[in-house]
């Protein structure tokens, strides 16, 4: 059974995604420009729009820049508009359809169902009288709405005011319903995102508290969270980054210096340098590092790419929610990581998922996927804990989704059942190397 689910219509190259069923670990695989990032962008569009309550959807917000509705809707389907469905199984769902047939972005249909609260709204194009059905345990209501002094009103005393794409419902003289503040808002506000390129470490940082409670979309607030971490949390980070796991460092700390600034330092044993730092691309061994604290900036670029993911997963638990999922979106977490580190990241994600963290990951890393499959084989994960989707384009340039199911022992389906482009590059390259005849120049040598 799905932990959470998601559907899309007419969103960039995604003409129709009937239902993506999320698990604690959900992977999006496939070639470039196949639509993987669009899935993440649709969720970030919803989350980012909550900060702009006067706008139905903010296509340019703090999390994502989609340009406009016209830039986002699938070409040729502008009148149908964009439709998004989001929910958690047996708990709640949100359905939303928007279009610009009247010249500006309008909510054409909206439906929310969440634990006894139900709201359904529809408005035909160019009509000023939408239909609303609304029920909860105390205040049922139904009827035509018209524009009033305080928003949409019905003769029965039902009033609706939109806060972005979520409704506030007033029934008679009662206080507004919490239907716009229930599950969809909880889910989206607790959702976190780390983008594909994390910032390079600075030599020092200002001690001023960060404006957010997570590492940020590019990881820029990671050092500040380290400075605020408890000793217990730091010990958990040391356990993962130390020799028994990623094997990168012996210790780490945030140390205050003059001028209300601080630095982030790591302690690396000399014998680990050549063996472990080369697990991260572009890493160079600092001079005289034996039992010595080294500034994070001097360790190597790969560390700066990995650290935000580890800190976000270990230290940031998201907004407390009465619902199931706190979802972390990761876009290409393997960038600048050596294959060993990519594989170890799979073990890390498996353990975090076992502790309740949920992930939606866009990745090109076969090492990450195979390590997750190995964790199933080891009994640390169930096949039902992982959902793998392979995305590709059809002849019309629209995204197709294919679910890849792991077997009970973690095995992938036989290669003959793989979609074209799924995990076959290494096999093809190996065949080409083994069965291609050497050139004459090589033969003459």
Protein backbone atom coordinates (compact mmCIF):
# COMPACT_ATOMS: atom_id res chain seq x y z
CA UNK A 1 0.00 0.00 0.00
CA UNK A 2 1.27 3.47 -0.89
CA UNK A 3 2.53 5.70 1.88
CA UNK A 4 1.67 8.72 -0.24
CA UNK A 5 0.49 9.21 -3.81
CA UNK A 6 0.74 11.82 -6.51
CA UNK A 7 -0.88 12.43 -9.92
CA UNK A 8 -0.25 15.04 -12.61
CA UNK A 9 -1.86 16.19 -15.84
CA UNK A 10 -0.44 18.59 -18.39
CA UNK A 11 2.63 19.55 -16.38
CA UNK A 12 5.55 20.22 -18.76
CA UNK A 13 6.33 16.91 -20.54
CA UNK A 14 4.00 14.95 -18.23
CA UNK A 15 0.76 14.66 -20.19
CA UNK A 16 -0.76 12.27 -17.68
CA UNK A 17 0.69 10.56 -14.62
CA UNK A 18 -2.16 8.41 -13.37
CA UNK A 19 -0.68 7.64 -9.96
CA UNK A 20 2.80 7.62 -8.54
CA UNK A 21 2.73 5.55 -5.36
CA UNK A 22 5.35 6.68 -2.89
CA UNK A 23 7.13 4.45 -0.42
CA UNK A 24 9.60 5.34 2.34
CA UNK A 25 12.17 5.41 -0.48
CA UNK A 26 10.91 6.43 -3.93
CA UNK A 27 13.39 6.61 -6.81
CA UNK A 28 13.01 8.39 -10.15
CA UNK A 29 15.38 7.03 -12.80
CA UNK A 30 15.76 7.64 -16.51
CA UNK A 31 17.64 9.62 -19.14
CA UNK A 32 18.06 13.38 -19.13
CA UNK A 33 15.01 15.49 -20.03
CA UNK A 34 12.61 12.61 -19.42
CA UNK A 35 10.56 14.47 -16.80
CA UNK A 36 12.11 13.35 -13.51
CA UNK A 37 12.75 16.87 -12.25
CA UNK A 38 9.20 17.88 -13.20
CA UNK A 39 7.79 15.58 -10.51
CA UNK A 40 9.86 17.35 -7.87
CA UNK A 41 9.02 20.76 -9.35
CA UNK A 42 5.28 20.12 -9.08
CA UNK A 43 5.61 19.42 -5.36
CA UNK A 44 7.84 22.46 -4.88
CA UNK A 45 5.33 24.58 -6.80
CA UNK A 46 2.66 23.67 -4.25
CA UNK A 47 4.91 24.10 -1.23
CA UNK A 48 6.42 27.37 -2.41
CA UNK A 49 3.00 28.83 -3.27
CA UNK A 50 1.89 28.60 0.38
CA UNK A 51 4.10 31.63 1.08
CA UNK A 52 2.03 33.71 -1.37
CA UNK A 53 -1.59 33.48 -0.09
CA UNK A 54 -2.91 36.13 -2.49
CA UNK A 55 -1.83 34.09 -5.54
CA UNK A 56 -3.41 30.80 -6.65
CA UNK A 57 -0.05 29.31 -7.63
CA UNK A 58 3.25 31.16 -7.58
CA UNK A 59 5.20 29.77 -10.51
CA UNK A 60 8.25 31.78 -9.39
CA UNK A 61 8.72 31.23 -5.67
CA UNK A 62 11.56 30.68 -3.22
CA UNK A 63 11.91 27.00 -4.10
CA UNK A 64 11.37 26.75 -7.85
CA UNK A 65 11.21 29.02 -10.89
CA UNK A 66 8.74 27.69 -13.44
CA UNK A 67 8.32 31.05 -15.15
CA UNK A 68 4.55 31.09 -15.65
CA UNK A 69 1.53 28.92 -16.30
CA UNK A 70 2.23 29.17 -20.04
CA UNK A 71 5.81 27.95 -19.49
CA UNK A 72 4.59 25.02 -17.39
CA UNK A 73 1.43 23.63 -19.02
CA UNK A 74 1.91 20.91 -21.65
CA UNK A 75 1.84 22.50 -25.09
CA UNK A 76 -1.46 22.02 -26.86
CA UNK A 77 -3.39 21.40 -23.64
CA UNK A 78 -3.66 24.91 -22.25
CA UNK A 79 -7.47 24.89 -22.09
CA UNK A 80 -7.53 21.66 -20.08
CA UNK A 81 -5.20 23.28 -17.57
CA UNK A 82 -2.86 21.71 -15.04
CA UNK A 83 -4.24 19.11 -12.61
CA UNK A 84 -2.47 17.89 -9.48
CA UNK A 85 -3.55 15.25 -6.98
CA UNK A 86 -1.66 14.61 -3.75
CA UNK A 87 -2.50 12.52 -0.71
CA UNK A 88 -1.70 9.80 1.77
CA UNK A 89 -3.45 6.47 1.58
CA UNK A 90 -6.58 6.11 3.74
CA UNK A 91 -5.88 9.51 5.30
CA UNK A 92 -6.39 12.50 3.00
CA UNK A 93 -6.18 13.79 -0.56
CA UNK A 94 -6.10 17.10 -2.43
CA UNK A 95 -7.20 17.52 -6.05
CA UNK A 96 -6.63 20.77 -7.89
CA UNK A 97 -7.15 21.94 -11.47
CA UNK A 98 -6.19 25.40 -12.69
CA UNK A 99 -6.28 27.15 -16.08
CA UNK A 100 -6.11 30.59 -17.68
CA UNK A 101 -9.12 30.39 -20.00
CA UNK A 102 -10.43 33.67 -18.56
CA UNK A 103 -7.12 35.46 -19.01
CA UNK A 104 -5.82 34.99 -15.46
CA UNK A 105 -5.00 31.90 -13.45
CA UNK A 106 -8.19 30.49 -11.93
CA UNK A 107 -9.07 27.49 -9.78
CA UNK A 108 -11.37 25.43 -11.94
CA UNK A 109 -11.82 22.48 -9.58
CA UNK A 110 -10.72 21.77 -6.04
CA UNK A 111 -11.44 18.86 -3.71
CA UNK A 112 -10.04 18.08 -0.27
CA UNK A 113 -10.89 15.14 1.94
CA UNK A 114 -9.19 14.82 5.31
CA UNK A 115 -10.43 12.84 8.27
CA UNK A 116 -14.09 13.77 8.24
CA UNK A 117 -13.68 17.07 6.42
CA UNK A 118 -14.73 17.23 2.78
CA UNK A 119 -14.66 20.18 0.43
CA UNK A 120 -15.53 20.10 -3.28
CA UNK A 121 -15.48 23.22 -5.48
CA UNK A 122 -16.10 23.60 -9.20
CA UNK A 123 -16.63 26.60 -11.44
CA UNK A 124 -17.35 26.38 -15.18
CA UNK A 125 -15.40 28.80 -17.36
CA UNK A 126 -16.74 32.39 -17.28
CA UNK A 127 -19.29 31.50 -14.61
CA UNK A 128 -19.57 33.71 -11.53
CA UNK A 129 -21.53 31.09 -9.58
CA UNK A 130 -19.33 28.16 -8.54
CA UNK A 131 -20.74 25.12 -6.79
CA UNK A 132 -19.42 24.11 -3.39
CA UNK A 133 -20.11 21.04 -1.29
CA UNK A 134 -18.74 21.12 2.21
CA UNK A 135 -19.19 18.78 5.15
CA UNK A 136 -17.60 18.10 8.47
CA UNK A 137 -18.96 16.56 11.65
CA UNK A 138 -20.52 19.87 12.75
CA UNK A 139 -21.20 22.03 9.71
CA UNK A 140 -22.65 20.53 6.53
CA UNK A 141 -23.25 22.94 3.68
CA UNK A 142 -23.97 22.94 -0.03
CA UNK A 143 -24.99 25.46 -2.62
CA UNK A 144 -24.18 28.01 -5.27
CA UNK A 145 -21.74 30.74 -4.32
CA UNK A 146 -21.61 34.33 -5.52
CA UNK A 147 -19.10 37.09 -5.07
CA UNK A 148 -19.80 38.95 -1.81
CA UNK A 149 -18.13 41.57 0.29
CA UNK A 150 -15.85 39.07 2.01
CA UNK A 151 -15.36 36.56 -0.80
CA UNK A 152 -17.59 33.82 -2.16
CA UNK A 153 -20.92 33.52 -0.29
CA UNK A 154 -24.07 31.40 -0.42
CA UNK A 155 -27.60 32.28 0.75
CA UNK A 156 -27.20 29.58 3.41
CA UNK A 157 -24.35 31.50 5.04
CA UNK A 158 -21.49 29.47 3.58
CA UNK A 159 -18.41 31.55 2.70
CA UNK A 160 -15.14 30.54 1.08
CA UNK A 161 -11.90 32.52 1.06
CA UNK A 162 -8.86 31.22 -0.78
CA UNK A 163 -5.41 31.28 0.75
CA UNK A 164 -3.31 30.40 -2.27
CA UNK A 165 -4.87 27.14 -3.55
CA UNK A 166 -6.26 26.05 -0.15
CA UNK A 167 -9.72 27.19 1.04
CA UNK A 168 -10.85 28.67 4.31
CA UNK A 169 -14.52 27.82 4.79
CA UNK A 170 -16.88 29.82 6.99
CA UNK A 171 -20.26 28.29 7.83
CA UNK A 172 -22.75 30.80 9.20
CA UNK A 173 -21.32 32.58 12.21
CA UNK A 174 -18.99 29.75 13.10
CA UNK A 175 -15.23 30.15 13.13
CA UNK A 176 -13.49 29.24 9.87
CA UNK A 177 -13.00 25.57 9.19
CA UNK A 178 -9.49 24.17 9.52
CA UNK A 179 -9.87 22.28 6.24
CA UNK A 180 -7.26 24.52 4.61
CA UNK A 181 -4.87 23.95 7.51
CA UNK A 182 -5.15 20.19 7.80
CA UNK A 183 -3.34 17.46 5.95
CA UNK A 184 -2.31 19.15 2.65
CA UNK A 185 -0.75 22.10 4.46
CA UNK A 186 0.94 19.86 7.06
CA UNK A 187 2.37 17.62 4.35
CA UNK A 188 3.68 20.45 2.19
CA UNK A 189 5.08 22.54 5.03
CA UNK A 190 6.99 19.56 6.40
CA UNK A 191 8.35 18.67 2.93
CA UNK A 192 12.07 19.46 2.54
CA UNK A 193 14.25 19.74 -0.54
CA UNK A 194 17.97 19.67 -1.31
CA UNK A 195 18.93 20.56 -4.86
CA UNK A 196 21.57 19.02 -7.13
CA UNK A 197 24.42 21.45 -6.39
CA UNK A 198 25.31 22.29 -2.80
CA UNK A 199 27.40 25.36 -2.04
CA UNK A 200 31.15 25.11 -1.47
CA UNK A 201 32.20 25.55 2.19
CA UNK A 202 33.36 28.98 3.34
CA UNK A 203 36.42 29.59 5.46
CA UNK A 204 34.25 31.04 8.26
CA UNK A 205 30.61 31.88 8.93
CA UNK A 206 28.61 34.55 10.70
CA UNK A 207 27.13 33.39 14.00
CA UNK A 208 23.80 35.05 13.19
CA UNK A 209 21.02 32.40 13.34
CA UNK A 210 19.82 31.13 9.95
CA UNK A 211 16.41 32.26 8.61
CA UNK A 212 15.25 28.64 8.14
CA UNK A 213 15.23 25.49 10.24
CA UNK A 214 16.83 23.22 7.65
CA UNK A 215 19.99 23.18 5.55
CA UNK A 216 18.34 25.04 2.65
CA UNK A 217 17.91 24.01 -0.95
CA UNK A 218 21.65 24.40 -1.63
CA UNK A 219 22.89 23.32 1.80
CA UNK A 220 24.12 26.81 2.75
CA UNK A 221 22.79 26.58 6.33
CA UNK A 222 24.44 23.23 7.11
CA UNK A 223 27.26 24.80 9.20
CA UNK A 224 24.74 26.73 11.31
CA UNK A 225 22.80 23.56 12.11
CA UNK A 226 26.06 21.89 13.10
CA UNK A 227 26.78 24.78 15.46
CA UNK A 228 23.34 24.42 17.06
CA UNK A 229 23.49 20.61 17.33
CA UNK A 230 23.54 18.86 20.68
CA UNK A 231 26.38 16.55 21.67
CA UNK A 232 24.08 13.58 21.11
CA UNK A 233 23.28 14.77 17.58
CA UNK A 234 26.95 15.40 16.82
CA UNK A 235 27.76 11.92 18.00
CA UNK A 236 25.22 10.52 15.55
CA UNK A 237 26.84 12.50 12.76
CA UNK A 238 30.31 11.27 13.78
CA UNK A 239 29.05 7.71 13.69
CA UNK A 240 27.94 8.10 10.08
CA UNK A 241 30.85 10.15 8.80
CA UNK A 242 33.45 8.19 10.75
CA UNK A 243 35.49 5.09 9.88
CA UNK A 244 32.71 2.54 10.39
CA UNK A 245 30.37 4.13 7.81
CA UNK A 246 31.39 6.70 5.18
CA UNK A 247 34.93 6.55 6.58
CA UNK A 248 35.63 10.18 5.82
CA UNK A 249 36.50 11.83 9.14
CA UNK A 250 37.37 11.05 12.73
CA UNK A 251 35.47 13.97 14.27
CA UNK A 252 33.86 17.31 13.40
CA UNK A 253 33.01 20.48 15.27
CA UNK A 254 31.81 24.08 14.90
CA UNK A 255 34.19 26.40 16.77
CA UNK A 256 33.54 30.06 17.63
CA UNK A 257 36.26 32.52 16.65
CA UNK A 258 36.70 36.28 16.97
CA UNK A 259 34.26 38.76 15.49
CA UNK A 260 31.05 36.79 16.17
CA UNK A 261 32.07 34.22 13.58
CA UNK A 262 32.65 30.47 13.66
CA UNK A 263 34.41 27.82 11.63
CA UNK A 264 33.58 24.20 10.85
CA UNK A 265 36.49 21.81 11.26
CA UNK A 266 37.04 18.10 10.82
CA UNK A 267 39.62 15.80 12.37
CA UNK A 268 41.15 13.31 9.95
CA UNK A 269 43.66 10.66 10.87
CA UNK A 270 46.59 10.60 8.44
CA UNK A 271 46.22 6.94 7.61
CA UNK A 272 42.68 7.56 6.33
CA UNK A 273 43.58 10.35 3.94
CA UNK A 274 44.72 8.36 0.92
CA UNK A 275 42.22 5.55 1.55
CA UNK A 276 39.11 7.59 2.32
CA UNK A 277 39.36 11.10 0.88
CA UNK A 278 39.76 9.71 -2.61
CA UNK A 279 36.22 8.31 -2.25
CA UNK A 280 35.11 11.83 -3.12
CA UNK A 281 35.95 13.36 -6.45
CA UNK A 282 38.22 16.41 -6.55
CA UNK A 283 39.32 15.79 -2.92
CA UNK A 284 42.94 16.58 -2.09
CA UNK A 285 44.73 15.60 1.09
CA UNK A 286 45.57 18.57 3.33
CA UNK A 287 49.13 18.96 4.58
CA UNK A 288 50.02 17.77 8.11
CA UNK A 289 46.63 16.36 9.01
CA UNK A 290 47.72 13.68 11.49
CA UNK A 291 45.46 14.05 14.55
CA UNK A 292 44.86 17.68 13.56
CA UNK A 293 41.75 19.77 13.02
CA UNK A 294 41.33 20.95 9.43
CA UNK A 295 38.96 23.58 8.06
CA UNK A 296 36.06 22.00 6.17
CA UNK A 297 36.97 24.03 3.10
CA UNK A 298 40.29 22.16 2.85
CA UNK A 299 38.85 18.65 2.87
CA UNK A 300 37.48 18.40 -0.66
CA UNK A 301 34.40 19.26 -2.69
CA UNK A 302 32.69 15.87 -2.27
CA UNK A 303 32.38 16.37 1.48
CA UNK A 304 30.46 19.62 0.94
CA UNK A 305 28.03 17.76 -1.33
CA UNK A 306 27.40 14.91 1.09
CA UNK A 307 27.29 16.77 4.40
CA UNK A 308 23.99 18.67 3.82
CA UNK A 309 22.19 15.42 3.03
CA UNK A 310 23.49 13.72 6.17
CA UNK A 311 22.80 16.74 8.40
CA UNK A 312 19.29 17.24 7.01
CA UNK A 313 18.44 13.57 7.47
CA UNK A 314 19.89 13.23 10.97
CA UNK A 315 19.20 16.63 12.55
CA UNK A 316 16.08 17.97 10.82
CA UNK A 317 12.88 16.09 11.41
CA UNK A 318 10.49 18.60 9.87
CA UNK A 319 7.34 20.11 11.28
CA UNK A 320 5.58 17.72 13.69
CA UNK A 321 2.59 16.26 11.89
CA UNK A 322 -0.33 14.03 12.85
CA UNK A 323 -0.05 12.45 9.41
CA UNK A 324 2.31 9.81 8.10
CA UNK A 325 5.02 11.31 5.98
CA UNK A 326 7.81 13.84 6.33
CA UNK A 327 9.22 13.79 2.83
CA UNK A 328 12.75 14.83 1.83
CA UNK A 329 13.28 15.51 -1.88
CA UNK A 330 16.82 14.87 -3.13
CA UNK A 331 17.85 15.86 -6.63
CA UNK A 332 20.89 13.93 -7.87
CA UNK A 333 22.48 13.41 -4.44
CA UNK A 334 25.34 11.47 -6.03
CA UNK A 335 26.89 14.48 -7.77
CA UNK A 336 30.67 14.69 -7.14
CA UNK A 337 30.69 11.45 -5.12
CA UNK A 338 32.93 8.50 -5.86
CA UNK A 339 31.05 5.21 -6.58
CA UNK A 340 31.89 3.87 -3.10
CA UNK A 341 30.38 6.96 -1.47
CA UNK A 342 27.31 6.69 -3.73
CA UNK A 343 26.80 3.11 -2.59
CA UNK A 344 27.33 4.02 1.08
CA UNK A 345 24.74 6.75 0.65
CA UNK A 346 22.27 3.97 -0.17
CA UNK A 347 22.97 2.30 3.17
CA UNK A 348 22.55 5.64 4.95
CA UNK A 349 19.19 6.30 3.25
CA UNK A 350 18.04 2.77 4.08
CA UNK A 351 18.73 3.26 7.79
CA UNK A 352 17.12 6.71 7.86
CA UNK A 353 14.03 5.31 6.14
CA UNK A 354 13.89 2.55 8.73
CA UNK A 355 13.80 5.30 11.38
CA UNK A 356 10.86 7.05 9.72
CA UNK A 357 12.41 9.45 7.21
CA UNK A 358 10.81 9.32 3.73
CA UNK A 359 12.68 10.15 0.53
CA UNK A 360 11.82 11.06 -3.06
CA UNK A 361 15.08 10.86 -5.00
CA UNK A 362 15.91 11.76 -8.58
CA UNK A 363 19.11 9.92 -9.43
CA UNK A 364 21.33 8.56 -12.19
CA UNK A 365 23.39 6.46 -9.77
CA UNK A 366 23.31 2.73 -10.38
CA UNK A 367 25.52 2.30 -7.30
CA UNK A 368 22.91 3.93 -5.07
CA UNK A 369 20.10 1.81 -6.48
CA UNK A 370 22.06 -1.43 -6.26
CA UNK A 371 23.06 -0.75 -2.65
CA UNK A 372 19.39 -0.21 -1.74
CA UNK A 373 18.57 -3.51 -3.44
CA UNK A 374 21.39 -5.09 -1.41
CA UNK A 375 19.89 -3.70 1.79
CA UNK A 376 16.67 -5.52 0.88
CA UNK A 377 18.66 -8.70 0.32
CA UNK A 378 20.31 -8.25 3.75
CA UNK A 379 16.91 -7.94 5.37
CA UNK A 380 17.36 -4.29 6.37
CA UNK A 381 14.56 -3.20 4.03
CA UNK A 382 11.45 -4.80 2.60
CA UNK A 383 10.79 -4.69 -1.16
CA UNK A 384 7.65 -2.72 -0.26
CA UNK A 385 9.85 0.00 1.28
CA UNK A 386 11.17 0.97 -2.16
CA UNK A 387 9.35 2.22 -5.26
CA UNK A 388 11.45 2.53 -8.42
CA UNK A 389 10.06 4.45 -11.40
CA UNK A 390 11.80 4.61 -14.77
CA UNK A 391 10.86 7.63 -16.88
CA UNK A 392 11.26 7.97 -20.64
CA UNK A 393 9.64 9.89 -23.50
CA UNK A 394 7.14 8.50 -26.02
CA UNK A 395 7.04 9.42 -29.69
CA UNK A 396 5.10 12.61 -28.86
CA UNK A 397 7.67 13.79 -26.35
CA UNK A 398 5.44 12.99 -23.36
CA UNK A 399 6.77 11.33 -20.22
CA UNK A 400 6.03 7.65 -19.64
CA UNK A 401 6.30 6.09 -16.17
CA UNK A 402 7.19 2.45 -15.65
CA UNK A 403 7.35 0.84 -12.21
CA UNK A 404 10.29 -1.49 -11.57
CA UNK A 405 9.51 -3.99 -8.80
CA UNK A 406 12.18 -5.59 -6.63
CA UNK A 407 11.84 -9.27 -5.83
CA UNK A 408 11.56 -10.49 -2.23
CA UNK A 409 15.30 -11.11 -2.11
CA UNK A 410 16.10 -7.67 -3.50
CA UNK A 411 16.85 -8.79 -7.04
CA UNK A 412 15.84 -6.65 -10.00
CA UNK A 413 13.81 -8.22 -12.82
CA UNK A 414 15.85 -10.11 -15.44
CA UNK A 415 17.67 -7.81 -17.90
CA UNK A 416 15.33 -8.92 -20.68
CA UNK A 417 12.48 -7.22 -18.82
CA UNK A 418 14.29 -3.91 -18.32
CA UNK A 419 13.03 -0.87 -20.25
CA UNK A 420 15.46 0.50 -22.80
CA UNK A 421 18.08 2.61 -21.06
CA UNK A 422 17.61 1.08 -17.59
CA UNK A 423 20.93 -0.12 -16.12
CA UNK A 424 22.21 -1.28 -19.49
CA UNK A 425 24.97 1.25 -20.16
CA UNK A 426 27.62 -0.62 -18.15
CA UNK A 427 26.64 -3.91 -19.77
CA UNK A 428 26.82 -2.43 -23.29
CA UNK A 429 30.14 -0.71 -22.62
CA UNK A 430 31.63 -3.91 -21.21
CA UNK A 431 30.45 -5.85 -24.26
CA UNK A 432 31.87 -3.20 -26.59
CA UNK A 433 35.25 -3.35 -24.86
CA UNK A 434 35.44 -7.15 -24.76
CA UNK A 435 34.25 -7.85 -28.30
CA UNK A 436 35.62 -4.90 -30.28
CA UNK A 437 38.78 -5.70 -32.19
CA UNK A 438 41.85 -3.56 -31.41
CA UNK A 439 42.80 -0.87 -33.93
CA UNK A 440 45.79 -1.44 -36.22
CA UNK A 441 47.84 1.05 -34.22
CA UNK A 442 47.29 -1.01 -31.09
CA UNK A 443 48.06 -4.23 -32.96
CA UNK A 444 51.35 -2.82 -34.25
CA UNK A 445 52.38 -1.99 -30.70
